[in-house]
Amino acid sequence: MSTEEVLSIQDLRMKYDGRYVLNGIDLHVRRGEMIGYIGPNGAGKSTTVKIMLGLVEGYTGTVRIFGQDIADGSVEYKRRIGYVPEVAELYDQLTPAEYLTFTGELYGLSYEEAYEKAERLMECFDLGKVYHSRIATFSKGMRQKVLLISSLLHDPDLLFLDEPLSGLDANSVMVVKEILAKLSAAGTTIFYSSHIMDVVEKISSRIVLLADSRVVADGTFKELQQQSQEGSLEEVFNQLTGFHNHGAIADRFVSIIREGS
């Protein structure tokens, strides 16, 4: 593992409506790490990522990416970043050929390079035959593959993924997990946010757990297991976030459904 620091966050704080959604976040990430960034809904995961992407302002603290303070106004660091949001709007009337060449050019690729590279990546996902079809006709899984390609087309040094496996079939999930593992081994730093605990557990070299706007755990899966004395990541998650009443909630839900049956 490289000792080169790709990302540094110090005392990051962000308020919405007078309430802290991030309250003193400190995080240092090295080149090639695959960070599983997890936490309950509303814990501040998406806000952290959007700040790092330069999409949200008004925070306090320091965020450095590739050694650059992102508050200095320069957007040059963004050329080295890839991003797959949880919910993304694709241009339905474009074809993947049009959308991906457009995206590639934004990241500095020539039209010819983006077109040819995107076509070969589409073929890897068994989508070569629809390279010139309208995205409006695509299933959710096909759209997700186009998004993944758009985030990787320029070979980013830092990749942010928010529920990247959404809509993919089992075979495609296996392929994407292998792609991420190989990219990480080759030095790409990956920031992976998901609620699918078994995937995070298996692919992450390091797991950062956010709860109540703070980092409550940071380490390898084995280190988190030892800290919480639990087995699976789901059990670790529940123990560290103080959530233990899932069984009672499920019992009440089912009893309401079956009333009068």
C-alpha atoms as a PDB file:
ATOM      1  CA  MET A   1       0.000   0.000   0.000  1.00  0.00           C
ATOM      2  CA  SER A   2       1.367   3.415  -0.975  1.00  0.00           C
ATOM      3  CA  THR A   3       1.998   6.028   1.727  1.00  0.00           C
ATOM      4  CA  GLU A   4       1.000   8.842  -0.663  1.00  0.00           C
ATOM      5  CA  GLU A   5      -1.930  10.780   0.784  1.00  0.00           C
ATOM      6  CA  VAL A   6      -4.662  11.353  -1.781  1.00  0.00           C
ATOM      7  CA  LEU A   7      -7.328  12.798   0.469  1.00  0.00           C
ATOM      8  CA  SER A   8      -7.142  14.697   3.751  1.00  0.00           C
ATOM      9  CA  ILE A   9     -10.106  15.994   5.775  1.00  0.00           C
ATOM     10  CA  GLN A  10      -9.546  17.937   8.987  1.00  0.00           C
ATOM     11  CA  ASP A  11     -12.261  19.071  11.403  1.00  0.00           C
ATOM     12  CA  LEU A  12     -14.947  19.116   8.707  1.00  0.00           C
ATOM     13  CA  ARG A  13     -18.230  20.620   9.910  1.00  0.00           C
ATOM     14  CA  MET A  14     -21.439  21.380   8.051  1.00  0.00           C
ATOM     15  CA  LYS A  15     -24.775  22.699   9.301  1.00  0.00           C
ATOM     16  CA  TYR A  16     -28.241  22.529   7.770  1.00  0.00           C
ATOM     17  CA  ASP A  17     -31.090  24.411   9.466  1.00  0.00           C
ATOM     18  CA  GLY A  18     -28.982  24.941  12.571  1.00  0.00           C
ATOM     19  CA  ARG A  19     -28.138  21.245  12.952  1.00  0.00           C
ATOM     20  CA  TYR A  20     -24.754  19.675  12.360  1.00  0.00           C
ATOM     21  CA  VAL A  21     -24.852  17.004   9.646  1.00  0.00           C
ATOM     22  CA  LEU A  22     -21.063  16.747   9.897  1.00  0.00           C
ATOM     23  CA  ASN A  23     -19.451  17.510  13.219  1.00  0.00           C
ATOM     24  CA  GLY A  24     -15.660  17.312  13.289  1.00  0.00           C
ATOM     25  CA  ILE A  25     -14.811  14.740  10.620  1.00  0.00           C
ATOM     26  CA  ASP A  26     -11.123  13.807  10.320  1.00  0.00           C
ATOM     27  CA  LEU A  27     -10.050  11.426   7.577  1.00  0.00           C
ATOM     28  CA  HIS A  28      -6.799  10.656   5.785  1.00  0.00           C
ATOM     29  CA  VAL A  29      -6.799   8.344   2.764  1.00  0.00           C
ATOM     30  CA  ARG A  30      -3.797   6.905   0.938  1.00  0.00           C
ATOM     31  CA  ARG A  31      -3.340   5.980  -2.676  1.00  0.00           C
ATOM     32  CA  GLY A  32      -4.875   2.615  -3.569  1.00  0.00           C
ATOM     33  CA  GLU A  33      -7.117   2.303  -0.527  1.00  0.00           C
ATOM     34  CA  MET A  34     -10.685   1.103  -1.044  1.00  0.00           C
ATOM     35  CA  ILE A  35     -12.711   2.888   1.607  1.00  0.00           C
ATOM     36  CA  GLY A  36     -16.117   1.523   2.539  1.00  0.00           C
ATOM     37  CA  TYR A  37     -17.948   4.651   3.743  1.00  0.00           C
ATOM     38  CA  ILE A  38     -21.069   3.566   5.603  1.00  0.00           C
ATOM     39  CA  GLY A  39     -23.631   4.860   8.070  1.00  0.00           C
ATOM     40  CA  PRO A  40     -27.360   5.218   8.708  1.00  0.00           C
ATOM     41  CA  ASN A  41     -29.497   7.456   6.498  1.00  0.00           C
ATOM     42  CA  GLY A  42     -28.878  11.088   7.433  1.00  0.00           C
ATOM     43  CA  ALA A  43     -25.469  10.378   8.972  1.00  0.00           C
ATOM     44  CA  GLY A  44     -23.718  12.753   6.545  1.00  0.00           C
ATOM     45  CA  LYS A  45     -22.215  10.354   3.993  1.00  0.00           C
ATOM     46  CA  SER A  46     -23.600  12.040   0.887  1.00  0.00           C
ATOM     47  CA  THR A  47     -22.810  15.510   2.258  1.00  0.00           C
ATOM     48  CA  THR A  48     -19.175  14.497   2.787  1.00  0.00           C
ATOM     49  CA  VAL A  49     -18.870  13.232  -0.778  1.00  0.00           C
ATOM     50  CA  LYS A  50     -20.592  16.289  -2.267  1.00  0.00           C
ATOM     51  CA  ILE A  51     -18.210  18.588  -0.376  1.00  0.00           C
ATOM     52  CA  MET A  52     -15.212  16.672  -1.714  1.00  0.00           C
ATOM     53  CA  LEU A  53     -16.633  16.924  -5.231  1.00  0.00           C
ATOM     54  CA  GLY A  54     -17.008  20.679  -4.854  1.00  0.00           C
ATOM     55  CA  LEU A  55     -20.800  20.493  -5.131  1.00  0.00           C
ATOM     56  CA  VAL A  56     -21.532  21.879  -1.646  1.00  0.00           C
ATOM     57  CA  GLU A  57     -20.121  25.000  -0.006  1.00  0.00           C
ATOM     58  CA  GLY A  58     -20.576  26.578   3.420  1.00  0.00           C
ATOM     59  CA  TYR A  59     -18.550  24.023   5.379  1.00  0.00           C
ATOM     60  CA  THR A  60     -15.783  24.732   7.859  1.00  0.00           C
ATOM     61  CA  GLY A  61     -12.558  22.790   8.180  1.00  0.00           C
ATOM     62  CA  THR A  62     -10.067  21.763   5.520  1.00  0.00           C
ATOM     63  CA  VAL A  63     -10.450  19.353   2.612  1.00  0.00           C
ATOM     64  CA  ARG A  64      -7.345  18.573   0.551  1.00  0.00           C
ATOM     65  CA  ILE A  65      -7.399  16.350  -2.522  1.00  0.00           C
ATOM     66  CA  PHE A  66      -4.065  15.507  -4.200  1.00  0.00           C
ATOM     67  CA  GLY A  67      -2.553  18.043  -1.789  1.00  0.00           C
ATOM     68  CA  GLN A  68      -4.783  20.882  -3.028  1.00  0.00           C
ATOM     69  CA  ASP A  69      -7.157  22.740  -0.712  1.00  0.00           C
ATOM     70  CA  ILE A  70     -10.406  22.527  -2.676  1.00  0.00           C
ATOM     71  CA  ALA A  71     -11.529  25.851  -1.210  1.00  0.00           C
ATOM     72  CA  ASP A  72      -8.924  27.726  -3.269  1.00  0.00           C
ATOM     73  CA  GLY A  73     -11.294  27.923  -6.233  1.00  0.00           C
ATOM     74  CA  SER A  74      -9.326  25.763  -8.663  1.00  0.00           C
ATOM     75  CA  VAL A  75     -11.219  22.868 -10.255  1.00  0.00           C
ATOM     76  CA  GLU A  76      -8.156  21.216 -11.772  1.00  0.00           C
ATOM     77  CA  TYR A  77      -8.314  18.338  -9.273  1.00  0.00           C
ATOM     78  CA  LYS A  78     -11.712  17.325 -10.677  1.00  0.00           C
ATOM     79  CA  ARG A  79     -10.065  16.063 -13.867  1.00  0.00           C
ATOM     80  CA  ARG A  80      -8.589  13.257 -11.766  1.00  0.00           C
ATOM     81  CA  ILE A  81     -11.873  12.244 -10.121  1.00  0.00           C
ATOM     82  CA  GLY A  82     -14.665   9.874 -11.188  1.00  0.00           C
ATOM     83  CA  TYR A  83     -18.143   9.822  -9.644  1.00  0.00           C
ATOM     84  CA  VAL A  84     -21.210   7.600  -9.758  1.00  0.00           C
ATOM     85  CA  PRO A  85     -24.062   9.200  -7.749  1.00  0.00           C
ATOM     86  CA  GLU A  86     -26.818   7.146  -6.147  1.00  0.00           C
ATOM     87  CA  VAL A  87     -29.420   8.876  -8.305  1.00  0.00           C
ATOM     88  CA  ALA A  88     -28.268  10.209 -11.668  1.00  0.00           C
ATOM     89  CA  GLU A  89     -30.153  11.746 -14.526  1.00  0.00           C
ATOM     90  CA  LEU A  90     -28.856  10.596 -17.888  1.00  0.00           C
ATOM     91  CA  TYR A  91     -29.706  12.419 -21.095  1.00  0.00           C
ATOM     92  CA  ASP A  92     -32.341   9.984 -22.341  1.00  0.00           C
ATOM     93  CA  GLN A  93     -32.397  11.268 -25.909  1.00  0.00           C
ATOM     94  CA  LEU A  94     -28.660  10.729 -26.341  1.00  0.00           C
ATOM     95  CA  THR A  95     -27.008   7.454 -27.240  1.00  0.00           C
ATOM     96  CA  PRO A  96     -24.161   6.043 -25.133  1.00  0.00           C
ATOM     97  CA  ALA A  97     -21.819   7.026 -27.981  1.00  0.00           C
ATOM     98  CA  GLU A  98     -22.957  10.644 -27.699  1.00  0.00           C
ATOM     99  CA  TYR A  99     -23.131  10.754 -23.899  1.00  0.00           C
ATOM    100  CA  LEU A 100     -19.792   9.052 -23.253  1.00  0.00           C
ATOM    101  CA  THR A 101     -17.822  11.036 -25.843  1.00  0.00           C
ATOM    102  CA  PHE A 102     -19.305  14.216 -24.354  1.00  0.00           C
ATOM    103  CA  THR A 103     -18.262  13.093 -20.846  1.00  0.00           C
ATOM    104  CA  GLY A 104     -14.808  12.044 -22.044  1.00  0.00           C
ATOM    105  CA  GLU A 105     -14.195  15.424 -23.682  1.00  0.00           C
ATOM    106  CA  LEU A 106     -15.174  17.191 -20.446  1.00  0.00           C
ATOM    107  CA  TYR A 107     -12.379  15.262 -18.732  1.00  0.00           C
ATOM    108  CA  GLY A 108      -9.850  16.218 -21.402  1.00  0.00           C
ATOM    109  CA  LEU A 109      -9.954  13.247 -23.791  1.00  0.00           C
ATOM    110  CA  SER A 110     -10.112  13.864 -27.521  1.00  0.00           C
ATOM    111  CA  TYR A 111     -13.372  12.974 -29.288  1.00  0.00           C
ATOM    112  CA  GLU A 112     -11.715  10.080 -31.116  1.00  0.00           C
ATOM    113  CA  GLU A 113     -10.109   8.660 -27.967  1.00  0.00           C
ATOM    114  CA  ALA A 114     -13.336   8.913 -25.943  1.00  0.00           C
ATOM    115  CA  TYR A 115     -15.456   7.375 -28.724  1.00  0.00           C
ATOM    116  CA  GLU A 116     -13.170   4.394 -29.306  1.00  0.00           C
ATOM    117  CA  LYS A 117     -12.481   3.729 -25.620  1.00  0.00           C
ATOM    118  CA  ALA A 118     -16.163   3.989 -24.661  1.00  0.00           C
ATOM    119  CA  GLU A 119     -17.144   1.582 -27.437  1.00  0.00           C
ATOM    120  CA  ARG A 120     -14.699  -1.048 -26.198  1.00  0.00           C
ATOM    121  CA  LEU A 121     -15.859  -0.602 -22.587  1.00  0.00           C
ATOM    122  CA  MET A 122     -19.493  -0.997 -23.680  1.00  0.00           C
ATOM    123  CA  GLU A 123     -18.509  -4.263 -25.371  1.00  0.00           C
ATOM    124  CA  CYS A 124     -16.947  -5.469 -22.107  1.00  0.00           C
ATOM    125  CA  PHE A 125     -20.371  -5.046 -20.503  1.00  0.00           C
ATOM    126  CA  ASP A 126     -22.026  -6.838 -23.440  1.00  0.00           C
ATOM    127  CA  LEU A 127     -23.597  -3.577 -24.597  1.00  0.00           C
ATOM    128  CA  GLY A 128     -21.739  -3.114 -27.849  1.00  0.00           C
ATOM    129  CA  LYS A 129     -24.886  -3.629 -29.935  1.00  0.00           C
ATOM    130  CA  VAL A 130     -26.676  -0.713 -28.238  1.00  0.00           C
ATOM    131  CA  TYR A 131     -23.816   1.795 -28.423  1.00  0.00           C
ATOM    132  CA  HIS A 132     -25.913   3.879 -30.845  1.00  0.00           C
ATOM    133  CA  SER A 133     -29.337   3.245 -29.262  1.00  0.00           C
ATOM    134  CA  ARG A 134     -31.220   5.886 -27.254  1.00  0.00           C
ATOM    135  CA  ILE A 135     -30.592   5.685 -23.511  1.00  0.00           C
ATOM    136  CA  ALA A 136     -34.356   6.150 -23.047  1.00  0.00           C
ATOM    137  CA  THR A 137     -34.791   2.505 -24.105  1.00  0.00           C
ATOM    138  CA  PHE A 138     -32.333   1.151 -21.510  1.00  0.00           C
ATOM    139  CA  SER A 139     -33.138  -0.831 -18.377  1.00  0.00           C
ATOM    140  CA  LYS A 140     -31.894   0.385 -14.969  1.00  0.00           C
ATOM    141  CA  GLY A 141     -28.977  -2.047 -15.094  1.00  0.00           C
ATOM    142  CA  MET A 142     -27.927  -0.886 -18.567  1.00  0.00           C
ATOM    143  CA  ARG A 143     -28.072   2.738 -17.433  1.00  0.00           C
ATOM    144  CA  GLN A 144     -25.933   1.890 -14.425  1.00  0.00           C
ATOM    145  CA  LYS A 145     -23.286   0.358 -16.664  1.00  0.00           C
ATOM    146  CA  VAL A 146     -23.199   3.527 -18.782  1.00  0.00           C
ATOM    147  CA  LEU A 147     -22.733   5.567 -15.593  1.00  0.00           C
ATOM    148  CA  LEU A 148     -19.892   3.316 -14.443  1.00  0.00           C
ATOM    149  CA  ILE A 149     -18.180   3.667 -17.811  1.00  0.00           C
ATOM    150  CA  SER A 150     -18.574   7.464 -17.725  1.00  0.00           C
ATOM    151  CA  SER A 151     -16.892   7.594 -14.299  1.00  0.00           C
ATOM    152  CA  LEU A 152     -13.933   5.466 -15.415  1.00  0.00           C
ATOM    153  CA  LEU A 153     -13.428   6.545 -19.026  1.00  0.00           C
ATOM    154  CA  HIS A 154     -10.635   8.999 -18.165  1.00  0.00           C
ATOM    155  CA  ASP A 155      -8.848   6.599 -15.771  1.00  0.00           C
ATOM    156  CA  PRO A 156      -9.353   8.667 -12.588  1.00  0.00           C
ATOM    157  CA  ASP A 157      -6.959   8.564  -9.645  1.00  0.00           C
ATOM    158  CA  LEU A 158      -9.828   8.926  -7.172  1.00  0.00           C
ATOM    159  CA  LEU A 159     -13.217   7.298  -7.642  1.00  0.00           C
ATOM    160  CA  PHE A 160     -16.386   8.070  -5.655  1.00  0.00           C
ATOM    161  CA  LEU A 161     -19.126   5.428  -5.872  1.00  0.00           C
ATOM    162  CA  ASP A 162     -22.551   5.750  -4.254  1.00  0.00           C
ATOM    163  CA  GLU A 163     -24.504   2.464  -4.505  1.00  0.00           C
ATOM    164  CA  PRO A 164     -22.699   1.575  -7.759  1.00  0.00           C
ATOM    165  CA  LEU A 165     -24.205  -1.932  -8.003  1.00  0.00           C
ATOM    166  CA  SER A 166     -27.800  -0.692  -8.060  1.00  0.00           C
ATOM    167  CA  GLY A 167     -29.809  -2.497 -10.735  1.00  0.00           C
ATOM    168  CA  LEU A 168     -27.025  -4.836 -11.840  1.00  0.00           C
ATOM    169  CA  ASP A 169     -27.595  -8.559 -12.258  1.00  0.00           C
ATOM    170  CA  ALA A 170     -25.505 -11.092 -10.320  1.00  0.00           C
ATOM    171  CA  ASN A 171     -22.983 -11.656 -13.128  1.00  0.00           C
ATOM    172  CA  SER A 172     -22.447  -7.929 -13.632  1.00  0.00           C
ATOM    173  CA  VAL A 173     -21.973  -7.441  -9.883  1.00  0.00           C
ATOM    174  CA  MET A 174     -19.165 -10.014  -9.954  1.00  0.00           C
ATOM    175  CA  VAL A 175     -17.523  -8.247 -12.901  1.00  0.00           C
ATOM    176  CA  VAL A 176     -17.723  -4.791 -11.286  1.00  0.00           C
ATOM    177  CA  LYS A 177     -16.327  -6.083  -7.986  1.00  0.00           C
ATOM    178  CA  GLU A 178     -13.369  -7.580  -9.876  1.00  0.00           C
ATOM    179  CA  ILE A 179     -12.853  -4.317 -11.790  1.00  0.00           C
ATOM    180  CA  LEU A 180     -12.748  -2.340  -8.534  1.00  0.00           C
ATOM    181  CA  ALA A 181     -10.330  -4.796  -6.918  1.00  0.00           C
ATOM    182  CA  LYS A 182      -7.953  -4.590  -9.893  1.00  0.00           C
ATOM    183  CA  LEU A 183      -8.160  -0.786 -10.029  1.00  0.00           C
ATOM    184  CA  SER A 184      -7.406  -0.540  -6.323  1.00  0.00           C
ATOM    185  CA  ALA A 185      -4.445  -2.917  -6.660  1.00  0.00           C
ATOM    186  CA  ALA A 186      -3.135  -0.706  -9.497  1.00  0.00           C
ATOM    187  CA  GLY A 187      -3.284   2.425  -7.318  1.00  0.00           C
ATOM    188  CA  THR A 188      -6.743   3.900  -7.867  1.00  0.00           C
ATOM    189  CA  THR A 189      -8.225   5.198  -4.617  1.00  0.00           C
ATOM    190  CA  ILE A 190     -11.881   4.244  -4.242  1.00  0.00           C
ATOM    191  CA  PHE A 191     -14.448   5.791  -1.923  1.00  0.00           C
ATOM    192  CA  TYR A 192     -17.341   3.314  -1.819  1.00  0.00           C
ATOM    193  CA  SER A 193     -20.660   4.161  -0.151  1.00  0.00           C
ATOM    194  CA  SER A 194     -23.361   1.492   0.096  1.00  0.00           C
ATOM    195  CA  HIS A 195     -25.998  -0.007   2.370  1.00  0.00           C
ATOM    196  CA  ILE A 196     -25.188  -3.521   1.120  1.00  0.00           C
ATOM    197  CA  MET A 197     -23.052  -4.568   4.082  1.00  0.00           C
ATOM    198  CA  ASP A 198     -21.823  -7.901   2.746  1.00  0.00           C
ATOM    199  CA  VAL A 199     -20.372  -6.221  -0.359  1.00  0.00           C
ATOM    200  CA  VAL A 200     -18.664  -3.481   1.687  1.00  0.00           C
ATOM    201  CA  GLU A 201     -17.295  -6.141   4.027  1.00  0.00           C
ATOM    202  CA  LYS A 202     -15.781  -8.170   1.189  1.00  0.00           C
ATOM    203  CA  ILE A 203     -14.281  -5.483  -1.047  1.00  0.00           C
ATOM    204  CA  SER A 204     -13.085  -2.756   1.347  1.00  0.00           C
ATOM    205  CA  SER A 205      -9.510  -2.543   2.545  1.00  0.00           C
ATOM    206  CA  ARG A 206     -10.729  -0.100   5.193  1.00  0.00           C
ATOM    207  CA  ILE A 207     -14.175   0.759   6.555  1.00  0.00           C
ATOM    208  CA  VAL A 208     -15.223   4.161   7.901  1.00  0.00           C
ATOM    209  CA  LEU A 209     -18.497   4.216   9.833  1.00  0.00           C
ATOM    210  CA  LEU A 210     -20.351   7.490  10.309  1.00  0.00           C
ATOM    211  CA  ALA A 211     -23.062   7.921  12.951  1.00  0.00           C
ATOM    212  CA  ASP A 212     -24.556  11.037  14.526  1.00  0.00           C
ATOM    213  CA  SER A 213     -22.470  13.202  12.174  1.00  0.00           C
ATOM    214  CA  ARG A 214     -19.167  11.792  13.446  1.00  0.00           C
ATOM    215  CA  VAL A 215     -16.743   8.985  12.589  1.00  0.00           C
ATOM    216  CA  VAL A 216     -17.415   6.273  15.170  1.00  0.00           C
ATOM    217  CA  ALA A 217     -15.203   3.561  13.667  1.00  0.00           C
ATOM    218  CA  ASP A 218     -12.299   3.483  11.216  1.00  0.00           C
ATOM    219  CA  GLY A 219     -10.266   0.414  10.369  1.00  0.00           C
ATOM    220  CA  THR A 220     -10.177  -2.914   8.583  1.00  0.00           C
ATOM    221  CA  PHE A 221     -13.162  -5.230   8.924  1.00  0.00           C
ATOM    222  CA  LYS A 222     -11.194  -7.414  11.366  1.00  0.00           C
ATOM    223  CA  GLU A 223     -10.333  -4.374  13.493  1.00  0.00           C
ATOM    224  CA  LEU A 224     -13.996  -3.313  13.598  1.00  0.00           C
ATOM    225  CA  GLN A 225     -14.962  -6.866  14.555  1.00  0.00           C
ATOM    226  CA  GLN A 226     -12.516  -6.786  17.475  1.00  0.00           C
ATOM    227  CA  GLN A 227     -13.694  -3.337  18.543  1.00  0.00           C
ATOM    228  CA  SER A 228     -17.361  -4.302  18.677  1.00  0.00           C
ATOM    229  CA  GLN A 229     -16.963  -8.041  19.390  1.00  0.00           C
ATOM    230  CA  GLU A 230     -19.440  -8.843  16.619  1.00  0.00           C
ATOM    231  CA  GLY A 231     -19.363 -11.199  13.628  1.00  0.00           C
ATOM    232  CA  SER A 232     -20.670  -9.746  10.375  1.00  0.00           C
ATOM    233  CA  LEU A 233     -20.364  -6.121   9.265  1.00  0.00           C
ATOM    234  CA  GLU A 234     -24.145  -5.818   9.578  1.00  0.00           C
ATOM    235  CA  GLU A 235     -23.860  -6.819  13.246  1.00  0.00           C
ATOM    236  CA  VAL A 236     -20.923  -4.444  13.744  1.00  0.00           C
ATOM    237  CA  PHE A 237     -22.952  -1.664  12.126  1.00  0.00           C
ATOM    238  CA  ASN A 238     -25.954  -2.273  14.397  1.00  0.00           C
ATOM    239  CA  GLN A 239     -23.811  -2.448  17.524  1.00  0.00           C
ATOM    240  CA  LEU A 240     -21.824   0.729  16.832  1.00  0.00           C
ATOM    241  CA  THR A 241     -24.858   2.751  15.727  1.00  0.00           C
ATOM    242  CA  GLY A 242     -26.949   1.551  18.671  1.00  0.00           C
ATOM    243  CA  PHE A 243     -29.675  -0.001  16.525  1.00  0.00           C
ATOM    244  CA  HIS A 244     -31.019  -3.177  18.125  1.00  0.00           C
ATOM    245  CA  ASN A 245     -34.786  -3.107  17.635  1.00  0.00           C
ATOM    246  CA  HIS A 246     -35.020  -4.324  14.036  1.00  0.00           C
ATOM    247  CA  GLY A 247     -36.710  -7.529  15.193  1.00  0.00           C
ATOM    248  CA  ALA A 248     -39.377  -5.666  17.155  1.00  0.00           C
ATOM    249  CA  ILE A 249     -40.076  -3.316  14.240  1.00  0.00           C
ATOM    250  CA  ALA A 250     -40.411  -6.257  11.851  1.00  0.00           C
ATOM    251  CA  ASP A 251     -42.795  -8.047  14.256  1.00  0.00           C
ATOM    252  CA  ARG A 252     -45.013  -4.961  14.519  1.00  0.00           C
ATOM    253  CA  PHE A 253     -44.977  -4.411  10.750  1.00  0.00           C
ATOM    254  CA  VAL A 254     -46.016  -7.997  10.010  1.00  0.00           C
ATOM    255  CA  SER A 255     -48.705  -7.951  12.701  1.00  0.00           C
ATOM    256  CA  ILE A 256     -50.259  -4.837  11.116  1.00  0.00           C
ATOM    257  CA  ILE A 257     -50.210  -6.488   7.666  1.00  0.00           C
ATOM    258  CA  ARG A 258     -51.939  -9.598   8.988  1.00  0.00           C
ATOM    259  CA  GLU A 259     -54.658  -7.830  10.946  1.00  0.00           C
ATOM    260  CA  GLY A 260     -58.007  -9.368  10.063  1.00  0.00           C
ATOM    261  CA  SER A 261     -56.434 -12.258   8.121  1.00  0.00           C
END
